[in-house]
């Protein structure tokens, strides 16, 4: 049998362990926690780690800190043309102020999702009612969600939540307008393509005109430079001829006659009619006389 004193110590230790177990609680990085005192919120700004409470007086509830994704069934919306669109969407949100979230929803996630869904539906309705079907189908996502975030921001804040993202998964067009919508979109894209082609052709013509102008300027400059070089060459040639002629006029005349003979005689098909005593045959006649 265990002595009474030892038994009392064991019981005390067990009670202490149970008391400590009931008095301690942990909060992970993925959780929010609220400590209540007889049903009223006592503290809600807990950081991840180990914390304590008074058993039977306090109790703790934990809520999701991570992003929550909520899908919503298809809803019907009217466009600015009075056409009906069926839109499927989902919302990503998270708890930002856990105390405000508890007061607004009782800590029930379904209540928060329903109220958030209603706010988003009203926001989508206010955006879609300003647009045509073609604008909605062709618009960038930011053009729709930007106005949506601004319109539902205050409602979401009252829930103690933060709207992270809204995504439209599917847009169903009425059968009677599907063909006309895509036809108008095709016409719009064709007009845009024609405009881009026209701008490209205009830019190409401008570039070609510039290139042609530059080519003409380069050729003109080259022709002027060639004329200058030829002129300088002719001038130097004439100067050389003049200096040569002044040194030995008789030899220069003889050499020029030889050039004339070479260019005029010696080909079978050539016919020249000249007088034998012509000046042209001056040097030939001298060679015969010798």
Protein backbone atom coordinates (compact mmCIF):
# COMPACT_ATOMS: atom_id res chain seq x y z
CA UNK A 1 0.00 0.00 0.00
CA UNK A 2 1.21 3.50 -0.88
CA UNK A 3 1.64 5.73 2.16
CA UNK A 4 -0.93 8.45 2.56
CA UNK A 5 1.66 11.17 2.22
CA UNK A 6 2.98 9.75 -1.02
CA UNK A 7 -0.53 9.30 -2.32
CA UNK A 8 -1.32 12.91 -1.51
CA UNK A 9 1.78 14.06 -3.38
CA UNK A 10 0.85 12.01 -6.46
CA UNK A 11 -2.69 13.39 -6.41
CA UNK A 12 -1.36 16.93 -6.08
CA UNK A 13 1.02 16.42 -9.00
CA UNK A 14 -1.78 14.99 -11.15
CA UNK A 15 -4.06 17.89 -10.27
CA UNK A 16 -1.27 20.35 -11.04
CA UNK A 17 -0.68 18.74 -14.43
CA UNK A 18 -4.40 18.79 -15.23
CA UNK A 19 -4.65 22.40 -14.07
CA UNK A 20 -1.70 23.45 -16.20
CA UNK A 21 -3.11 21.52 -19.16
CA UNK A 22 -6.45 23.28 -18.80
CA UNK A 23 -4.73 26.63 -18.29
CA UNK A 24 -2.43 26.52 -21.35
CA UNK A 25 -3.27 26.74 -25.01
CA UNK A 26 -1.23 27.20 -28.18
CA UNK A 27 -1.85 29.31 -31.25
CA UNK A 28 -0.26 28.24 -34.51
CA UNK A 29 0.83 30.48 -37.37
CA UNK A 30 -2.29 29.51 -39.34
CA UNK A 31 -4.76 30.45 -36.61
CA UNK A 32 -6.44 33.42 -34.99
CA UNK A 33 -7.52 32.99 -31.34
CA UNK A 34 -10.03 34.74 -29.09
CA UNK A 35 -10.10 34.32 -25.30
CA UNK A 36 -13.51 34.77 -23.70
CA UNK A 37 -14.39 35.55 -20.09
CA UNK A 38 -17.88 34.31 -19.29
CA UNK A 39 -18.82 34.65 -22.97
CA UNK A 40 -17.38 38.14 -23.50
CA UNK A 41 -14.27 38.78 -25.54
CA UNK A 42 -11.32 39.38 -23.24
CA UNK A 43 -8.41 39.26 -25.71
CA UNK A 44 -8.07 38.62 -29.43
CA UNK A 45 -4.63 39.78 -30.57
CA UNK A 46 -2.67 36.59 -29.88
CA UNK A 47 0.58 35.88 -31.64
CA UNK A 48 1.64 32.31 -32.48
CA UNK A 49 2.99 30.48 -29.40
CA UNK A 50 2.02 29.25 -25.92
CA UNK A 51 -0.54 31.22 -23.88
CA UNK A 52 -2.48 30.78 -20.64
CA UNK A 53 -6.01 31.23 -19.30
CA UNK A 54 -8.02 30.61 -16.15
CA UNK A 55 -9.93 27.30 -16.35
CA UNK A 56 -13.72 27.48 -16.03
CA UNK A 57 -13.56 31.27 -16.31
CA UNK A 58 -11.94 31.61 -19.70
CA UNK A 59 -12.42 29.65 -22.90
CA UNK A 60 -10.66 29.97 -26.25
CA UNK A 61 -11.91 29.70 -29.84
CA UNK A 62 -9.66 29.49 -32.86
CA UNK A 63 -10.29 30.63 -36.43
CA UNK A 64 -8.56 30.19 -39.75
CA UNK A 65 -5.85 32.75 -40.53
CA UNK A 66 -5.15 31.51 -44.07
CA UNK A 67 -6.98 32.53 -47.25
CA UNK A 68 -10.40 30.95 -47.61
CA UNK A 69 -11.85 30.16 -51.05
CA UNK A 70 -15.62 30.23 -51.41
CA UNK A 71 -17.42 29.14 -54.58
CA UNK A 72 -20.82 30.56 -55.45
CA UNK A 73 -23.47 29.18 -57.80
CA UNK A 74 -24.40 30.88 -61.06
CA UNK A 75 -26.15 34.24 -60.72
CA UNK A 76 -28.06 36.24 -63.33
CA UNK A 77 -27.10 39.85 -64.05
CA UNK A 78 -28.50 42.48 -66.43
CA UNK A 79 -26.16 44.35 -68.78
CA UNK A 80 -26.60 47.94 -69.90
CA UNK A 81 -28.41 46.55 -72.97
CA UNK A 82 -30.96 44.80 -70.77
CA UNK A 83 -29.54 41.36 -71.64
CA UNK A 84 -29.22 38.62 -69.04
CA UNK A 85 -25.83 37.10 -68.25
CA UNK A 86 -25.32 34.04 -66.08
CA UNK A 87 -22.06 34.41 -64.14
CA UNK A 88 -20.23 31.85 -61.99
CA UNK A 89 -17.63 33.27 -59.63
CA UNK A 90 -15.59 32.51 -56.55
CA UNK A 91 -14.12 34.69 -53.83
CA UNK A 92 -10.85 34.48 -51.90
CA UNK A 93 -10.91 36.15 -48.50
CA UNK A 94 -9.36 35.97 -45.05
CA UNK A 95 -10.00 37.18 -41.52
CA UNK A 96 -8.25 40.45 -40.82
CA UNK A 97 -9.87 41.56 -37.50
CA UNK A 98 -10.86 38.40 -35.64
CA UNK A 99 -12.78 40.24 -32.89
CA UNK A 100 -14.80 42.20 -35.45
CA UNK A 101 -15.31 39.00 -37.44
CA UNK A 102 -16.73 37.24 -34.37
CA UNK A 103 -19.05 40.12 -33.51
CA UNK A 104 -20.36 40.34 -37.10
CA UNK A 105 -20.79 36.63 -37.82
CA UNK A 106 -20.79 34.86 -34.46
CA UNK A 107 -17.59 33.15 -35.61
CA UNK A 108 -19.52 31.04 -38.12
CA UNK A 109 -17.71 30.84 -41.44
CA UNK A 110 -20.90 30.10 -43.37
CA UNK A 111 -22.47 33.34 -42.15
CA UNK A 112 -19.40 35.27 -43.26
CA UNK A 113 -19.37 33.54 -46.68
CA UNK A 114 -23.07 34.30 -47.24
CA UNK A 115 -22.75 37.98 -46.34
CA UNK A 116 -19.57 38.30 -48.37
CA UNK A 117 -21.27 36.63 -51.33
CA UNK A 118 -24.16 39.08 -51.19
CA UNK A 119 -21.78 42.03 -51.13
CA UNK A 120 -19.84 40.69 -54.11
CA UNK A 121 -23.05 40.00 -56.03
CA UNK A 122 -24.20 43.57 -55.47
CA UNK A 123 -20.80 44.82 -56.57
CA UNK A 124 -20.87 42.69 -59.73
CA UNK A 125 -24.37 43.91 -60.46
CA UNK A 126 -23.29 47.55 -60.21
CA UNK A 127 -20.35 46.92 -62.55
CA UNK A 128 -22.10 44.73 -65.13
CA UNK A 129 -25.11 47.02 -65.40
CA UNK A 130 -22.81 49.73 -66.77
CA UNK A 131 -21.33 47.54 -69.52
CA UNK A 132 -22.52 45.89 -72.71
CA UNK A 133 -22.10 42.16 -73.32
CA UNK A 134 -19.29 42.83 -75.77
CA UNK A 135 -17.45 45.03 -73.26
CA UNK A 136 -17.79 42.41 -70.53
CA UNK A 137 -16.51 39.57 -72.72
CA UNK A 138 -13.60 41.58 -74.17
CA UNK A 139 -12.66 43.53 -71.02
CA UNK A 140 -9.54 42.86 -69.01
CA UNK A 141 -10.16 41.30 -65.59
CA UNK A 142 -8.79 44.34 -63.75
CA UNK A 143 -11.32 46.57 -65.51
CA UNK A 144 -14.13 44.62 -63.80
CA UNK A 145 -12.61 43.67 -60.45
CA UNK A 146 -11.09 47.12 -59.86
CA UNK A 147 -14.50 48.78 -59.53
CA UNK A 148 -15.80 45.73 -57.66
CA UNK A 149 -13.14 45.95 -54.93
CA UNK A 150 -13.89 49.63 -54.40
CA UNK A 151 -17.64 49.07 -54.14
CA UNK A 152 -17.56 46.17 -51.64
CA UNK A 153 -14.58 47.34 -49.57
CA UNK A 154 -16.62 48.92 -46.78
CA UNK A 155 -18.97 45.91 -46.46
CA UNK A 156 -16.05 43.48 -46.21
CA UNK A 157 -14.35 45.66 -43.60
CA UNK A 158 -17.48 45.55 -41.43
CA UNK A 159 -17.17 41.75 -41.41
CA UNK A 160 -13.64 41.99 -40.04
CA UNK A 161 -12.44 40.34 -43.26
CA UNK A 162 -10.25 41.21 -46.23
CA UNK A 163 -11.23 40.55 -49.84
CA UNK A 164 -8.19 39.02 -51.55
CA UNK A 165 -9.56 38.21 -55.00
CA UNK A 166 -12.72 37.73 -57.04
CA UNK A 167 -12.59 35.53 -60.11
CA UNK A 168 -15.26 34.98 -62.73
CA UNK A 169 -15.12 31.34 -63.71
CA UNK A 170 -17.73 31.32 -66.44
CA UNK A 171 -20.02 33.67 -68.32
CA UNK A 172 -22.98 32.14 -70.15
CA UNK A 173 -24.49 34.27 -72.88
CA UNK A 174 -28.13 33.88 -73.86
CA UNK A 175 -28.49 31.78 -77.01
CA UNK A 176 -30.23 34.56 -78.94
CA UNK A 177 -27.38 37.01 -78.50
CA UNK A 178 -24.34 34.73 -78.61
CA UNK A 179 -23.95 34.93 -82.40
CA UNK A 180 -24.44 38.69 -82.62
CA UNK A 181 -21.99 39.34 -79.78
CA UNK A 182 -19.22 37.35 -81.39
CA UNK A 183 -20.02 38.90 -84.77
CA UNK A 184 -19.64 42.41 -83.32
CA UNK A 185 -16.43 41.36 -81.60
CA UNK A 186 -15.09 39.98 -84.88
CA UNK A 187 -15.95 43.22 -86.67
CA UNK A 188 -14.27 45.23 -83.93
CA UNK A 189 -11.11 43.11 -84.11
CA UNK A 190 -11.06 43.37 -87.91
CA UNK A 191 -11.35 47.14 -87.70
CA UNK A 192 -8.52 47.23 -85.18
CA UNK A 193 -6.39 44.98 -87.40
CA UNK A 194 -7.08 47.20 -90.44
CA UNK A 195 -6.08 50.26 -88.43
CA UNK A 196 -2.84 48.63 -87.33
CA UNK A 197 -2.07 47.55 -90.90
CA UNK A 198 -2.73 51.07 -92.18
CA UNK A 199 -0.46 52.54 -89.51
CA UNK A 200 2.21 50.00 -90.41
CA UNK A 201 1.96 50.81 -94.12
CA UNK A 202 2.18 54.54 -93.40
CA UNK A 203 5.26 53.97 -91.27
CA UNK A 204 6.79 51.79 -94.01
CA UNK A 205 6.14 54.46 -96.68
CA UNK A 206 7.75 57.08 -94.44
CA UNK A 207 10.79 54.87 -93.94
CA UNK A 208 11.07 54.10 -97.67
CA UNK A 209 10.78 57.80 -98.56
CA UNK A 210 13.48 58.64 -96.07
CA UNK A 211 15.72 55.87 -97.43
CA UNK A 212 15.16 57.03 -101.04
CA UNK A 213 15.95 60.62 -100.09
CA UNK A 214 19.09 59.54 -98.29
CA UNK A 215 20.14 57.40 -101.30
CA UNK A 216 19.67 60.35 -103.69
CA UNK A 217 21.68 62.61 -101.39
CA UNK A 218 24.49 60.06 -101.17
CA UNK A 219 24.56 59.53 -104.96
CA UNK A 220 24.52 63.29 -105.60
CA UNK A 221 27.37 63.83 -103.18
CA UNK A 222 29.32 60.97 -104.78
CA UNK A 223 28.70 62.39 -108.30
CA UNK A 224 29.90 65.82 -107.18
CA UNK A 225 33.00 64.34 -105.63
CA UNK A 226 33.66 62.25 -108.77
CA UNK A 227 33.33 65.33 -110.96
CA UNK A 228 35.77 67.18 -108.74
CA UNK A 229 38.25 64.28 -108.85
CA UNK A 230 37.91 63.99 -112.66
CA UNK A 231 38.39 67.73 -113.00
CA UNK A 232 41.49 67.62 -110.86
CA UNK A 233 42.78 64.65 -112.91
CA UNK A 234 42.13 66.42 -116.19
CA UNK A 235 43.85 69.49 -114.85
CA UNK A 236 46.89 67.47 -113.76
CA UNK A 237 46.93 65.63 -117.11
CA UNK A 238 46.81 68.87 -119.08
CA UNK A 239 49.59 70.25 -116.92
CA UNK A 240 51.73 67.16 -117.54
CA UNK A 241 51.07 67.38 -121.32
CA UNK A 242 51.95 71.05 -121.31
CA UNK A 243 55.18 70.56 -119.43
CA UNK A 244 56.13 67.61 -121.65
CA UNK A 245 55.38 69.55 -124.84
CA UNK A 246 57.44 72.50 -123.65
CA UNK A 247 60.47 70.33 -123.04
CA UNK A 248 60.53 68.62 -126.51
CA UNK A 249 57.77 69.75 -128.83
CA UNK A 250 59.03 67.64 -131.71
CA UNK A 251 59.03 64.40 -129.72
CA UNK A 252 55.60 65.17 -128.28
CA UNK A 253 54.20 65.76 -131.79
CA UNK A 254 55.79 62.50 -132.93
CA UNK A 255 54.32 60.58 -129.99
CA UNK A 256 50.86 62.01 -130.61
CA UNK A 257 51.10 60.99 -134.27
CA UNK A 258 51.95 57.44 -133.23
CA UNK A 259 48.87 57.41 -131.01
CA UNK A 260 46.78 58.58 -133.96
CA UNK A 261 48.28 55.89 -136.24
CA UNK A 262 47.54 53.21 -133.64
CA UNK A 263 43.94 54.32 -133.24
CA UNK A 264 43.27 54.81 -136.98
CA UNK A 265 45.26 52.13 -138.81
CA UNK A 266 45.89 48.43 -138.55
CA UNK A 267 42.32 47.07 -138.63
CA UNK A 268 41.10 45.15 -141.69
CA UNK A 269 37.67 46.70 -141.78
CA UNK A 270 38.82 50.32 -141.57
CA UNK A 271 38.92 52.52 -144.67
CA UNK A 272 40.63 55.93 -144.65
CA UNK A 273 40.87 58.21 -147.70
CA UNK A 274 43.67 60.76 -147.36
CA UNK A 275 46.10 62.53 -149.67
CA UNK A 276 49.60 60.99 -149.54
CA UNK A 277 51.12 64.37 -148.85
CA UNK A 278 48.71 65.00 -145.99
CA UNK A 279 50.09 66.28 -142.72
CA UNK A 280 48.76 63.08 -141.17
CA UNK A 281 51.49 61.07 -142.95
CA UNK A 282 54.25 63.49 -142.12
CA UNK A 283 56.31 61.06 -140.08
CA UNK A 284 55.64 58.10 -142.43
CA UNK A 285 56.83 60.10 -145.39
CA UNK A 286 60.00 61.06 -143.52
CA UNK A 287 60.78 57.40 -142.81
CA UNK A 288 60.42 56.58 -146.54
CA UNK A 289 62.67 59.48 -147.53
CA UNK A 290 65.37 58.12 -145.25
